[in-house]
Structure formats: C-alpha cells, structure tokens
Amino acid sequence: MSTRDEIEEKRRGIRERIQAGGSVLIGIGGEWKQNPGKEDEGKLILREEVERAYDSLYQLIKDRDYFVITTVTDGQIWKSPLDPKRIAAPCGNIGWRQCAKACTKDIWEEGEVPDGICPHCGSPLVPNTIRCGCYIEEGYLPQWEAYTRWLSRTLNRPLTVLELGEGFALPTVIRWPFEKTVFLNQKAYLYRVHSRFSQISGEVKEKGTGIAEDSVEFINGFWK
C-alpha cells in the first residue's frame, strides 16, 4: 500500500490529466459489486460506499467525453448520475429479465411482466446476466456498438484510461482490451486501481500507473 501522500499525488495526477482534455475511458469491475461472491475479487461493500463512488466518479469526469464499460451486474450504475448513453454492460444486469430457455430475444424491465413468466413459452423469467445458462446478449449490444464507435474516434488522440477494481474474473472484457487500447494509442495513458491486481503488463508499463488501493475507497477519496 502507498502512503497517504503518495495516494494523494496519484489522485492529483489523474485529475490533472483528465482536466487537461481528451477523452476518458473507464472500466468498472468486481471491487464495485454490492455483494461479491466467493469467486469474485473484492470485499463486501456497503451500498452507501458504492453509491458515493459512482457520484464521485461522475463529478470527476462529468465535463469530459467519457465512456464506461462495466462487468458489474447489480444494476447500481444505472441509478447513478452517469449518462446511460455512455455506459455498456456486456455482462448484463440483474434488473433486466429474459426467458430462462431463451425462446425469444425479448428482454423486459424488472416488473414489466408481473407474474415473472415468459409470455411466449411459459418458462420463468430470470436475470439477464452471464450467469444465465442461455444469456441473451441483445440487451447490451446496442450500447456496445456505441462504445466501439466512440473508441474508434479516440485513436491517436489524448485518452485517459481509468480502470477501477477489475481483476482476473473476466479479463477479456476490460483488463486486456484496455491494455491493447493503450498500446495502440500513443496518446493514451492507463491508471489501474485495484487492491490486489494493480500490476501493468510490460508492453504498456511505461504508459501506465498501477495503484494498489481499493478502487471504491480511492475514488471516494477525491471528494472528502
């Protein structure tokens, strides 16, 4: 762990880089889950801490051109002040419902089908997340397409990449693609914040800073 002064210096560096202009790419991972399971990275986080972290993150990047990718499925991000048009959640959302047998590509909001039964085949509706055996991806694809278009416009332009709390549970969604983005964009810089997995690979080591801190606490520390 870093000293308090070192942590504050890193926060200043992030703030200054973001305020200097350019776009901001944000990844939110397992440390931001409300109730991490035993297979997840992270600790039990109180709802108030997570809510405040989303608010703190928004205050940090609200005036910038940003996009957020999250692997967290608890739906808390959709209740935050972050612009939903600037969020992609490829792992789904427990607040959305799909047919357990995936008989249809339809996805419903929570409570939209009061009896929780698929109107097409009579199967139960289940949360539309990757934990579902027949995960329907159509729910997130429009926003993923919006993200890829946004990302293409950042090539060879100033880009701050802020990875928060993503370990190795799903490295192909945020961790490895973010490193590739930084590698390809000569004007990109990566900040990786994680209590245990803040290491940065050799290919982009000179274009990134690893911060070995709990990412929820780190972001909340911007606004004490």
C-alpha atoms as a PDB file:
ATOM      1  CA  MET A   1       0.000   0.000   0.000  1.00  0.00           C
ATOM      2  CA  SER A   2       1.134   3.539  -0.708  1.00  0.00           C
ATOM      3  CA  THR A   3       1.430   6.290   1.880  1.00  0.00           C
ATOM      4  CA  ARG A   4      -1.346   8.854   2.152  1.00  0.00           C
ATOM      5  CA  ASP A   5       0.814  11.479   0.437  1.00  0.00           C
ATOM      6  CA  GLU A   6       1.591   9.109  -2.434  1.00  0.00           C
ATOM      7  CA  ILE A   7      -2.086   8.311  -2.893  1.00  0.00           C
ATOM      8  CA  GLU A   8      -2.993  11.999  -2.956  1.00  0.00           C
ATOM      9  CA  GLU A   9      -0.259  12.625  -5.506  1.00  0.00           C
ATOM     10  CA  LYS A  10      -1.740   9.938  -7.763  1.00  0.00           C
ATOM     11  CA  ARG A  11      -5.200  11.455  -7.401  1.00  0.00           C
ATOM     12  CA  ARG A  12      -3.770  14.825  -8.400  1.00  0.00           C
ATOM     13  CA  GLY A  13      -2.118  13.257 -11.425  1.00  0.00           C
ATOM     14  CA  ILE A  14      -5.382  11.676 -12.563  1.00  0.00           C
ATOM     15  CA  ARG A  15      -7.351  14.871 -12.018  1.00  0.00           C
ATOM     16  CA  GLU A  16      -4.805  16.968 -13.907  1.00  0.00           C
ATOM     17  CA  ARG A  17      -4.658  14.561 -16.832  1.00  0.00           C
ATOM     18  CA  ILE A  18      -8.447  14.454 -17.103  1.00  0.00           C
ATOM     19  CA  GLN A  19      -8.772  18.226 -16.824  1.00  0.00           C
ATOM     20  CA  ALA A  20      -6.099  18.706 -19.485  1.00  0.00           C
ATOM     21  CA  GLY A  21      -8.585  17.476 -22.072  1.00  0.00           C
ATOM     22  CA  GLY A  22      -9.129  14.493 -24.297  1.00  0.00           C
ATOM     23  CA  SER A  23     -11.447  11.544 -23.741  1.00  0.00           C
ATOM     24  CA  VAL A  24     -11.781   9.284 -20.717  1.00  0.00           C
ATOM     25  CA  LEU A  25     -12.338   5.531 -20.898  1.00  0.00           C
ATOM     26  CA  ILE A  26     -13.480   3.962 -17.637  1.00  0.00           C
ATOM     27  CA  GLY A  27     -13.695   0.325 -16.650  1.00  0.00           C
ATOM     28  CA  ILE A  28     -15.568  -0.761 -13.521  1.00  0.00           C
ATOM     29  CA  GLY A  29     -15.035  -4.248 -12.158  1.00  0.00           C
ATOM     30  CA  GLY A  30     -15.515  -6.657  -9.284  1.00  0.00           C
ATOM     31  CA  GLU A  31     -14.498  -4.362  -6.438  1.00  0.00           C
ATOM     32  CA  TRP A  32     -17.640  -2.321  -7.117  1.00  0.00           C
ATOM     33  CA  LYS A  33     -20.058  -5.210  -6.653  1.00  0.00           C
ATOM     34  CA  GLN A  34     -22.536  -4.770  -3.829  1.00  0.00           C
ATOM     35  CA  ASN A  35     -22.234  -8.344  -2.588  1.00  0.00           C
ATOM     36  CA  PRO A  36     -19.171 -10.014  -4.074  1.00  0.00           C
ATOM     37  CA  GLY A  37     -19.417 -13.795  -4.134  1.00  0.00           C
ATOM     38  CA  LYS A  38     -16.586 -16.072  -3.122  1.00  0.00           C
ATOM     39  CA  GLU A  39     -15.459 -16.348  -6.746  1.00  0.00           C
ATOM     40  CA  ASP A  40     -15.258 -12.553  -7.155  1.00  0.00           C
ATOM     41  CA  GLU A  41     -12.455 -10.161  -6.328  1.00  0.00           C
ATOM     42  CA  GLY A  42     -13.418  -7.675  -3.692  1.00  0.00           C
ATOM     43  CA  LYS A  43     -14.921  -7.349  -0.273  1.00  0.00           C
ATOM     44  CA  LEU A  44     -18.450  -6.794   0.975  1.00  0.00           C
ATOM     45  CA  ILE A  45     -19.169  -3.158   0.158  1.00  0.00           C
ATOM     46  CA  LEU A  46     -21.922  -1.176   1.829  1.00  0.00           C
ATOM     47  CA  ARG A  47     -24.445   0.322  -0.563  1.00  0.00           C
ATOM     48  CA  GLU A  48     -23.643   3.847   0.619  1.00  0.00           C
ATOM     49  CA  GLU A  49     -19.971   3.456  -0.293  1.00  0.00           C
ATOM     50  CA  VAL A  50     -20.790   2.296  -3.833  1.00  0.00           C
ATOM     51  CA  GLU A  51     -23.428   4.966  -4.386  1.00  0.00           C
ATOM     52  CA  ARG A  52     -20.973   7.628  -3.283  1.00  0.00           C
ATOM     53  CA  ALA A  53     -18.251   6.174  -5.510  1.00  0.00           C
ATOM     54  CA  TYR A  54     -20.453   6.470  -8.587  1.00  0.00           C
ATOM     55  CA  ASP A  55     -21.280  10.046  -7.615  1.00  0.00           C
ATOM     56  CA  SER A  56     -17.587  10.799  -7.058  1.00  0.00           C
ATOM     57  CA  LEU A  57     -16.660   9.288 -10.410  1.00  0.00           C
ATOM     58  CA  TYR A  58     -19.318  11.359 -12.147  1.00  0.00           C
ATOM     59  CA  GLN A  59     -18.028  14.561 -10.565  1.00  0.00           C
ATOM     60  CA  LEU A  60     -14.545  13.685 -11.793  1.00  0.00           C
ATOM     61  CA  ILE A  61     -15.469  13.127 -15.453  1.00  0.00           C
ATOM     62  CA  LYS A  62     -18.841  14.830 -15.988  1.00  0.00           C
ATOM     63  CA  ASP A  63     -17.442  17.588 -18.220  1.00  0.00           C
ATOM     64  CA  ARG A  64     -15.381  15.229 -20.359  1.00  0.00           C
ATOM     65  CA  ASP A  65     -16.073  12.975 -23.334  1.00  0.00           C
ATOM     66  CA  TYR A  66     -16.286   9.660 -21.486  1.00  0.00           C
ATOM     67  CA  PHE A  67     -17.474   6.087 -21.863  1.00  0.00           C
ATOM     68  CA  VAL A  68     -17.885   3.446 -19.160  1.00  0.00           C
ATOM     69  CA  ILE A  69     -17.578  -0.326 -19.510  1.00  0.00           C
ATOM     70  CA  THR A  70     -18.685  -2.384 -16.526  1.00  0.00           C
ATOM     71  CA  THR A  71     -18.673  -6.085 -15.686  1.00  0.00           C
ATOM     72  CA  VAL A  72     -20.800  -5.460 -12.601  1.00  0.00           C
ATOM     73  CA  THR A  73     -24.354  -6.764 -12.972  1.00  0.00           C
ATOM     74  CA  ASP A  74     -26.051  -5.436  -9.816  1.00  0.00           C
ATOM     75  CA  GLY A  75     -27.601  -2.520 -11.708  1.00  0.00           C
ATOM     76  CA  GLN A  76     -26.315   0.183  -9.369  1.00  0.00           C
ATOM     77  CA  ILE A  77     -24.582   2.033 -12.200  1.00  0.00           C
ATOM     78  CA  TRP A  78     -27.938   2.689 -13.884  1.00  0.00           C
ATOM     79  CA  LYS A  79     -29.116   4.515 -10.752  1.00  0.00           C
ATOM     80  CA  SER A  80     -26.054   6.774 -10.767  1.00  0.00           C
ATOM     81  CA  PRO A  81     -25.758  10.206 -12.418  1.00  0.00           C
ATOM     82  CA  LEU A  82     -23.592   8.730 -15.193  1.00  0.00           C
ATOM     83  CA  ASP A  83     -25.146   9.116 -18.647  1.00  0.00           C
ATOM     84  CA  PRO A  84     -26.754   5.769 -19.623  1.00  0.00           C
ATOM     85  CA  LYS A  85     -25.921   6.531 -23.261  1.00  0.00           C
ATOM     86  CA  ARG A  86     -22.263   6.376 -22.237  1.00  0.00           C
ATOM     87  CA  ILE A  87     -22.404   3.006 -20.470  1.00  0.00           C
ATOM     88  CA  ALA A  88     -22.041  -0.525 -21.815  1.00  0.00           C
ATOM     89  CA  ALA A  89     -22.663  -3.528 -19.558  1.00  0.00           C
ATOM     90  CA  PRO A  90     -21.692  -6.634 -21.575  1.00  0.00           C
ATOM     91  CA  CYS A  91     -22.233  -8.979 -18.628  1.00  0.00           C
ATOM     92  CA  GLY A  92     -25.871  -7.981 -18.260  1.00  0.00           C
ATOM     93  CA  ASN A  93     -27.984  -6.545 -15.490  1.00  0.00           C
ATOM     94  CA  ILE A  94     -29.983  -8.284 -12.771  1.00  0.00           C
ATOM     95  CA  GLY A  95     -32.688  -5.660 -13.265  1.00  0.00           C
ATOM     96  CA  TRP A  96     -33.438  -6.978 -16.761  1.00  0.00           C
ATOM     97  CA  ARG A  97     -35.343 -10.208 -17.324  1.00  0.00           C
ATOM     98  CA  GLN A  98     -35.162 -12.842 -20.053  1.00  0.00           C
ATOM     99  CA  CYS A  99     -36.734 -16.202 -20.747  1.00  0.00           C
ATOM    100  CA  ALA A 100     -34.862 -18.959 -18.904  1.00  0.00           C
ATOM    101  CA  LYS A 101     -34.947 -21.045 -22.106  1.00  0.00           C
ATOM    102  CA  ALA A 102     -34.116 -18.084 -24.377  1.00  0.00           C
ATOM    103  CA  CYS A 103     -37.127 -18.886 -26.556  1.00  0.00           C
ATOM    104  CA  THR A 104     -37.214 -15.193 -27.554  1.00  0.00           C
ATOM    105  CA  LYS A 105     -34.725 -12.357 -27.795  1.00  0.00           C
ATOM    106  CA  ASP A 106     -37.130 -10.154 -25.856  1.00  0.00           C
ATOM    107  CA  ILE A 107     -35.796  -8.579 -22.671  1.00  0.00           C
ATOM    108  CA  TRP A 108     -38.054  -6.996 -20.052  1.00  0.00           C
ATOM    109  CA  GLU A 109     -37.505  -4.429 -17.339  1.00  0.00           C
ATOM    110  CA  GLU A 110     -37.990  -5.677 -13.780  1.00  0.00           C
ATOM    111  CA  GLY A 111     -41.718  -5.711 -13.007  1.00  0.00           C
ATOM    112  CA  GLU A 112     -42.735  -5.321 -16.646  1.00  0.00           C
ATOM    113  CA  VAL A 113     -44.069  -8.891 -16.609  1.00  0.00           C
ATOM    114  CA  PRO A 114     -45.741  -9.053 -13.168  1.00  0.00           C
ATOM    115  CA  ASP A 115     -46.028 -12.834 -12.902  1.00  0.00           C
ATOM    116  CA  GLY A 116     -42.410 -13.415 -13.956  1.00  0.00           C
ATOM    117  CA  ILE A 117     -43.424 -15.906 -16.631  1.00  0.00           C
ATOM    118  CA  CYS A 118     -42.328 -15.718 -20.244  1.00  0.00           C
ATOM    119  CA  PRO A 119     -45.427 -14.776 -22.268  1.00  0.00           C
ATOM    120  CA  HIS A 120     -44.131 -16.778 -25.240  1.00  0.00           C
ATOM    121  CA  CYS A 121     -43.403 -20.207 -23.754  1.00  0.00           C
ATOM    122  CA  GLY A 122     -44.402 -20.134 -20.093  1.00  0.00           C
ATOM    123  CA  SER A 123     -40.893 -20.575 -18.738  1.00  0.00           C
ATOM    124  CA  PRO A 124     -39.793 -18.472 -15.756  1.00  0.00           C
ATOM    125  CA  LEU A 125     -38.038 -15.178 -16.366  1.00  0.00           C
ATOM    126  CA  VAL A 126     -34.511 -14.924 -14.965  1.00  0.00           C
ATOM    127  CA  PRO A 127     -31.980 -12.094 -14.629  1.00  0.00           C
ATOM    128  CA  ASN A 128     -30.378 -11.230 -17.959  1.00  0.00           C
ATOM    129  CA  THR A 129     -26.735 -11.770 -16.971  1.00  0.00           C
ATOM    130  CA  ILE A 130     -23.856 -14.022 -17.992  1.00  0.00           C
ATOM    131  CA  ARG A 131     -24.755 -16.279 -15.075  1.00  0.00           C
ATOM    132  CA  CYS A 132     -27.835 -17.340 -17.015  1.00  0.00           C
ATOM    133  CA  GLY A 133     -27.235 -20.562 -18.905  1.00  0.00           C
ATOM    134  CA  CYS A 134     -28.798 -19.086 -22.058  1.00  0.00           C
ATOM    135  CA  TYR A 135     -27.600 -15.489 -21.804  1.00  0.00           C
ATOM    136  CA  ILE A 136     -29.282 -13.235 -24.371  1.00  0.00           C
ATOM    137  CA  GLU A 137     -26.737 -10.640 -25.480  1.00  0.00           C
ATOM    138  CA  GLU A 138     -29.157  -8.410 -27.362  1.00  0.00           C
ATOM    139  CA  GLY A 139     -29.711  -6.357 -24.213  1.00  0.00           C
ATOM    140  CA  TYR A 140     -26.245  -4.820 -24.242  1.00  0.00           C
ATOM    141  CA  LEU A 141     -25.289  -4.969 -27.928  1.00  0.00           C
ATOM    142  CA  PRO A 142     -26.651  -1.520 -28.938  1.00  0.00           C
ATOM    143  CA  GLN A 143     -24.538   0.154 -26.275  1.00  0.00           C
ATOM    144  CA  TRP A 144     -21.518  -1.988 -27.144  1.00  0.00           C
ATOM    145  CA  GLU A 145     -21.787  -0.781 -30.731  1.00  0.00           C
ATOM    146  CA  ALA A 146     -21.968   2.787 -29.442  1.00  0.00           C
ATOM    147  CA  TYR A 147     -18.812   2.106 -27.420  1.00  0.00           C
ATOM    148  CA  THR A 148     -16.838   0.718 -30.353  1.00  0.00           C
ATOM    149  CA  ARG A 149     -17.791   3.759 -32.438  1.00  0.00           C
ATOM    150  CA  TRP A 150     -16.741   6.059 -29.607  1.00  0.00           C
ATOM    151  CA  LEU A 151     -13.461   4.198 -29.112  1.00  0.00           C
ATOM    152  CA  SER A 152     -12.577   4.407 -32.815  1.00  0.00           C
ATOM    153  CA  ARG A 153     -12.777   8.201 -32.587  1.00  0.00           C
ATOM    154  CA  THR A 154     -10.185   8.280 -29.801  1.00  0.00           C
ATOM    155  CA  LEU A 155      -7.387   6.696 -31.832  1.00  0.00           C
ATOM    156  CA  ASN A 156      -4.219   8.821 -31.723  1.00  0.00           C
ATOM    157  CA  ARG A 157      -5.991  11.408 -29.597  1.00  0.00           C
ATOM    158  CA  PRO A 158      -5.415  12.099 -25.894  1.00  0.00           C
ATOM    159  CA  LEU A 159      -7.113   9.356 -23.883  1.00  0.00           C
ATOM    160  CA  THR A 160      -7.090   8.768 -20.146  1.00  0.00           C
ATOM    161  CA  VAL A 161      -7.913   5.137 -19.310  1.00  0.00           C
ATOM    162  CA  LEU A 162      -9.152   4.651 -15.760  1.00  0.00           C
ATOM    163  CA  GLU A 163      -9.583   1.002 -14.759  1.00  0.00           C
ATOM    164  CA  LEU A 164     -11.286   0.590 -11.405  1.00  0.00           C
ATOM    165  CA  GLY A 165     -11.428  -2.675  -9.493  1.00  0.00           C
ATOM    166  CA  GLU A 166     -11.174  -5.150 -12.365  1.00  0.00           C
ATOM    167  CA  GLY A 167      -9.168  -8.269 -11.622  1.00  0.00           C
ATOM    168  CA  PHE A 168      -8.940 -11.568 -13.484  1.00  0.00           C
ATOM    169  CA  ALA A 169     -12.501 -12.900 -13.199  1.00  0.00           C
ATOM    170  CA  LEU A 170     -13.290 -11.542 -16.694  1.00  0.00           C
ATOM    171  CA  PRO A 171     -10.018 -10.158 -18.091  1.00  0.00           C
ATOM    172  CA  THR A 172     -11.181 -10.343 -21.720  1.00  0.00           C
ATOM    173  CA  VAL A 173     -13.839  -7.679 -21.160  1.00  0.00           C
ATOM    174  CA  ILE A 174     -11.877  -4.802 -19.626  1.00  0.00           C
ATOM    175  CA  ARG A 175      -8.376  -5.635 -18.446  1.00  0.00           C
ATOM    176  CA  TRP A 176      -6.756  -6.987 -21.611  1.00  0.00           C
ATOM    177  CA  PRO A 177      -8.701  -4.843 -24.134  1.00  0.00           C
ATOM    178  CA  PHE A 178      -7.798  -1.701 -22.177  1.00  0.00           C
ATOM    179  CA  GLU A 179      -4.110  -2.623 -22.330  1.00  0.00           C
ATOM    180  CA  LYS A 180      -4.448  -3.141 -26.073  1.00  0.00           C
ATOM    181  CA  THR A 181      -6.106   0.249 -26.463  1.00  0.00           C
ATOM    182  CA  VAL A 182      -3.272   1.936 -24.587  1.00  0.00           C
ATOM    183  CA  PHE A 183      -0.688   0.032 -26.625  1.00  0.00           C
ATOM    184  CA  LEU A 184      -2.226   1.127 -29.933  1.00  0.00           C
ATOM    185  CA  ASN A 185      -2.894   4.731 -28.965  1.00  0.00           C
ATOM    186  CA  GLN A 186       0.372   6.622 -28.483  1.00  0.00           C
ATOM    187  CA  LYS A 187      -1.509   9.391 -26.660  1.00  0.00           C
ATOM    188  CA  ALA A 188      -3.238   7.109 -24.153  1.00  0.00           C
ATOM    189  CA  TYR A 189      -2.324   6.583 -20.509  1.00  0.00           C
ATOM    190  CA  LEU A 190      -3.649   3.881 -18.147  1.00  0.00           C
ATOM    191  CA  TYR A 191      -4.381   4.117 -14.442  1.00  0.00           C
ATOM    192  CA  ARG A 192      -5.146   0.687 -12.981  1.00  0.00           C
ATOM    193  CA  VAL A 193      -6.598   0.791  -9.461  1.00  0.00           C
ATOM    194  CA  HIS A 194      -7.107  -2.487  -7.601  1.00  0.00           C
ATOM    195  CA  SER A 195      -6.400  -3.655  -4.073  1.00  0.00           C
ATOM    196  CA  ARG A 196      -4.611  -6.813  -5.276  1.00  0.00           C
ATOM    197  CA  PHE A 197      -4.184  -6.730  -9.045  1.00  0.00           C
ATOM    198  CA  SER A 198      -2.860  -3.302  -9.977  1.00  0.00           C
ATOM    199  CA  GLN A 199       0.072  -4.669 -11.997  1.00  0.00           C
ATOM    200  CA  ILE A 200       0.510  -3.439 -15.579  1.00  0.00           C
ATOM    201  CA  SER A 201       1.942  -5.682 -18.296  1.00  0.00           C
ATOM    202  CA  GLY A 202       5.331  -4.986 -19.807  1.00  0.00           C
ATOM    203  CA  GLU A 203       4.012  -3.847 -23.183  1.00  0.00           C
ATOM    204  CA  VAL A 204       2.361  -0.769 -21.688  1.00  0.00           C
ATOM    205  CA  LYS A 205       4.308  -0.450 -18.450  1.00  0.00           C
ATOM    206  CA  GLU A 206       5.781   2.888 -19.491  1.00  0.00           C
ATOM    207  CA  LYS A 207       2.304   4.210 -20.330  1.00  0.00           C
ATOM    208  CA  GLY A 208       0.545   3.365 -17.128  1.00  0.00           C
ATOM    209  CA  THR A 209       0.439   3.625 -13.357  1.00  0.00           C
ATOM    210  CA  GLY A 210      -0.682   0.824 -11.065  1.00  0.00           C
ATOM    211  CA  ILE A 211      -2.341   1.921  -7.842  1.00  0.00           C
ATOM    212  CA  ALA A 212      -2.607  -0.779  -5.182  1.00  0.00           C
ATOM    213  CA  GLU A 213      -5.671   0.567  -3.388  1.00  0.00           C
ATOM    214  CA  ASP A 214      -9.293  -0.419  -3.060  1.00  0.00           C
ATOM    215  CA  SER A 215     -10.801   1.335  -6.061  1.00  0.00           C
ATOM    216  CA  VAL A 216     -14.065   2.321  -4.344  1.00  0.00           C
ATOM    217  CA  GLU A 217     -12.193   3.982  -1.491  1.00  0.00           C
ATOM    218  CA  PHE A 218      -9.729   5.542  -3.913  1.00  0.00           C
ATOM    219  CA  ILE A 219     -12.439   7.230  -5.992  1.00  0.00           C
ATOM    220  CA  ASN A 220     -14.349   8.371  -2.925  1.00  0.00           C
ATOM    221  CA  GLY A 221     -11.129   9.991  -1.730  1.00  0.00           C
ATOM    222  CA  PHE A 222     -11.356  12.589  -4.500  1.00  0.00           C
ATOM    223  CA  TRP A 223     -14.189  14.273  -2.614  1.00  0.00           C
ATOM    224  CA  LYS A 224     -13.650  14.150   1.142  1.00  0.00           C
END
